[in-house]
Amino acid sequence: MPKLALRELGGFFALMAGAPAPELQALGDSVVRELDDLRHPVPDPLRRARRRPELMSQRQRELLDAWDYPYVFEEFRPHFTLTDRIAADQQPRIRETLDHYLSAELGRDLPIDALCVFEEPAPEARLHLRSVHPLSRVNAADALITTEARQ
């Protein structure tokens, strides 16, 4: 993840790429396609409604219907969530705290060296780590997830 940056994303704070990240995008695209069989196959109308599709773009609704998540492929914004949603009046204080705490890491490249597969045992349940798969550097055009990640 190039040039790690602290960003406000829909009311919460996250670490994101501060520069274009085509290799990370290719990895994300590959993960969605190659590990799709790990996704629960039955659409959940309540889960879909909670995602508020009426507020999404047409493309995001298409992705939600096809992949059960609206932020994949070109809508994917790689990030590491740091907080829950923060009230607007509290955001400056939280940003200052996070900037201070993360100052040594911001602006640096963050290597992505493993793929972690999490499982949600029931709707809205806590995620559980299912497996960890070390990654090696490959050309983004050749990025494929091995079948080992399916186990």
Protein backbone atom coordinates (compact mmCIF):
# COMPACT_ATOMS: atom_id res chain seq x y z
CA MET A 1 0.00 0.00 0.00
CA PRO A 2 1.90 3.05 -1.22
CA LYS A 3 2.33 6.19 0.86
CA LEU A 4 0.11 5.20 3.78
CA ALA A 5 -2.39 8.00 4.49
CA LEU A 6 -4.97 8.68 7.18
CA ARG A 7 -8.35 9.46 5.62
CA GLU A 8 -11.90 10.09 6.77
CA LEU A 9 -14.11 7.62 4.92
CA GLY A 10 -17.84 7.95 5.38
CA GLY A 11 -17.50 9.25 8.93
CA PHE A 12 -14.88 6.78 10.12
CA PHE A 13 -11.10 6.94 9.96
CA ALA A 14 -9.03 4.52 7.93
CA LEU A 15 -5.53 3.98 6.65
CA MET A 16 -5.53 4.10 2.85
CA ALA A 17 -3.11 4.30 -0.04
CA GLY A 18 -1.94 7.85 -0.60
CA ALA A 19 -1.00 7.08 -4.21
CA PRO A 20 -2.40 4.86 -6.98
CA ALA A 21 -2.06 1.18 -6.08
CA PRO A 22 -2.71 -0.93 -9.21
CA GLU A 23 -1.09 -4.06 -7.75
CA LEU A 24 -3.28 -3.85 -4.67
CA GLN A 25 -6.32 -3.29 -6.88
CA ALA A 26 -5.41 -6.37 -8.95
CA LEU A 27 -5.01 -8.43 -5.79
CA GLY A 28 -8.41 -7.30 -4.50
CA ASP A 29 -10.07 -8.11 -7.82
CA SER A 30 -8.45 -11.55 -7.85
CA VAL A 31 -9.54 -12.29 -4.28
CA VAL A 32 -13.18 -11.47 -5.07
CA ARG A 33 -13.23 -13.65 -8.18
CA GLU A 34 -11.14 -16.59 -7.00
CA LEU A 35 -12.57 -16.94 -3.50
CA ASP A 36 -16.21 -16.32 -4.39
CA ASP A 37 -17.11 -19.91 -3.54
CA LEU A 38 -16.35 -19.10 0.12
CA ARG A 39 -19.16 -16.54 0.14
CA HIS A 40 -22.57 -17.56 1.45
CA PRO A 41 -24.52 -18.41 -1.71
CA VAL A 42 -27.99 -17.31 -0.58
CA PRO A 43 -28.74 -13.57 -0.82
CA ASP A 44 -30.14 -12.11 2.39
CA PRO A 45 -32.80 -9.43 1.67
CA LEU A 46 -32.45 -7.92 5.17
CA ARG A 47 -28.68 -7.67 4.83
CA ARG A 48 -29.11 -6.06 1.41
CA ALA A 49 -31.62 -3.55 2.82
CA ARG A 50 -29.22 -2.63 5.66
CA ARG A 51 -26.66 -1.67 3.02
CA ARG A 52 -29.09 1.06 1.85
CA PRO A 53 -28.96 0.38 -1.90
CA GLU A 54 -31.18 3.40 -2.55
CA LEU A 55 -28.17 5.58 -1.64
CA MET A 56 -25.81 3.74 -4.00
CA SER A 57 -24.90 4.39 -7.59
CA GLN A 58 -26.35 2.11 -10.24
CA ARG A 59 -22.98 0.33 -10.55
CA GLN A 60 -22.76 -0.22 -6.79
CA ARG A 61 -26.25 -1.77 -6.80
CA GLU A 62 -25.18 -4.06 -9.66
CA LEU A 63 -22.12 -5.14 -7.69
CA LEU A 64 -24.22 -5.64 -4.56
CA ASP A 65 -26.59 -7.90 -6.49
CA ALA A 66 -23.78 -9.86 -8.15
CA TRP A 67 -21.26 -10.09 -5.30
CA ASP A 68 -23.27 -9.26 -2.15
CA TYR A 69 -21.06 -6.21 -1.61
CA PRO A 70 -21.10 -2.89 -3.50
CA TYR A 71 -17.43 -1.94 -3.06
CA VAL A 72 -15.56 -4.45 -5.21
CA PHE A 73 -13.58 -4.07 -8.44
CA GLU A 74 -13.54 -0.43 -9.59
CA GLU A 75 -15.54 0.60 -6.48
CA PHE A 76 -12.98 -1.00 -4.11
CA ARG A 77 -11.10 1.47 -1.92
CA PRO A 78 -8.40 -0.51 -0.10
CA HIS A 79 -8.37 0.55 3.52
CA PHE A 80 -7.78 -0.52 7.10
CA THR A 81 -10.59 0.75 9.31
CA LEU A 82 -9.36 2.37 12.52
CA THR A 83 -12.54 3.69 14.15
CA ASP A 84 -16.29 3.40 14.23
CA ARG A 85 -18.28 6.28 12.76
CA ILE A 86 -17.17 9.49 14.51
CA ALA A 87 -19.46 12.48 15.04
CA ALA A 88 -18.39 15.45 12.89
CA ASP A 89 -17.63 17.62 15.93
CA GLN A 90 -15.27 14.95 17.31
CA GLN A 91 -13.39 14.26 14.07
CA PRO A 92 -10.72 17.00 14.44
CA ARG A 93 -9.70 15.71 17.87
CA ILE A 94 -9.65 12.08 16.71
CA ARG A 95 -7.67 13.02 13.58
CA GLU A 96 -5.10 14.88 15.67
CA THR A 97 -4.72 11.89 18.00
CA LEU A 98 -4.37 9.42 15.12
CA ASP A 99 -1.96 11.70 13.23
CA HIS A 100 0.23 11.88 16.32
CA TYR A 101 0.07 8.16 17.05
CA LEU A 102 0.73 7.14 13.42
CA SER A 103 3.18 9.90 12.46
CA ALA A 104 6.12 7.51 11.96
CA GLU A 105 4.12 5.33 9.53
CA LEU A 106 2.17 7.88 7.50
CA GLY A 107 3.67 8.55 4.08
CA ARG A 108 5.58 5.26 4.06
CA ASP A 109 4.80 2.25 1.90
CA LEU A 110 3.09 -0.57 3.79
CA PRO A 111 3.94 -4.05 2.52
CA ILE A 112 1.00 -6.40 2.15
CA ASP A 113 2.55 -9.79 2.82
CA ALA A 114 -0.38 -12.05 3.71
CA LEU A 115 -3.99 -12.72 2.82
CA CYS A 116 -6.20 -13.41 5.83
CA VAL A 117 -9.51 -15.19 5.29
CA PHE A 118 -12.17 -14.40 7.88
CA GLU A 119 -15.46 -16.17 8.42
CA GLU A 120 -18.74 -14.70 9.61
CA PRO A 121 -20.46 -17.68 11.30
CA ALA A 122 -23.88 -16.01 11.30
CA PRO A 123 -25.27 -12.74 9.91
CA GLU A 124 -23.85 -9.77 11.83
CA ALA A 125 -21.74 -12.08 14.06
CA ARG A 126 -18.13 -11.31 14.91
CA LEU A 127 -15.67 -12.36 12.24
CA HIS A 128 -13.28 -15.21 13.03
CA LEU A 129 -9.89 -15.67 11.44
CA ARG A 130 -10.11 -18.81 9.31
CA SER A 131 -6.65 -18.89 7.72
CA VAL A 132 -3.56 -16.84 6.87
CA HIS A 133 -1.76 -17.20 3.54
CA PRO A 134 1.65 -15.57 2.95
CA LEU A 135 1.95 -13.67 -0.31
CA SER A 136 4.97 -13.29 -2.54
CA ARG A 137 5.55 -10.40 -4.91
CA VAL A 138 4.17 -11.07 -8.39
CA ASN A 139 3.36 -8.99 -11.40
CA ALA A 140 -0.11 -7.47 -10.85
CA ALA A 141 -1.25 -8.78 -14.24
CA ASP A 142 -0.40 -12.30 -13.08
CA ALA A 143 -1.89 -11.97 -9.58
CA LEU A 144 -3.98 -15.04 -8.85
CA ILE A 145 -5.05 -16.55 -5.58
CA THR A 146 -3.98 -20.14 -5.22
CA THR A 147 -6.45 -22.87 -4.39
CA GLU A 148 -4.61 -23.22 -1.06
CA ALA A 149 -6.52 -20.15 0.14
CA ARG A 150 -9.77 -22.07 -0.35
CA GLN A 151 -8.87 -24.68 2.29
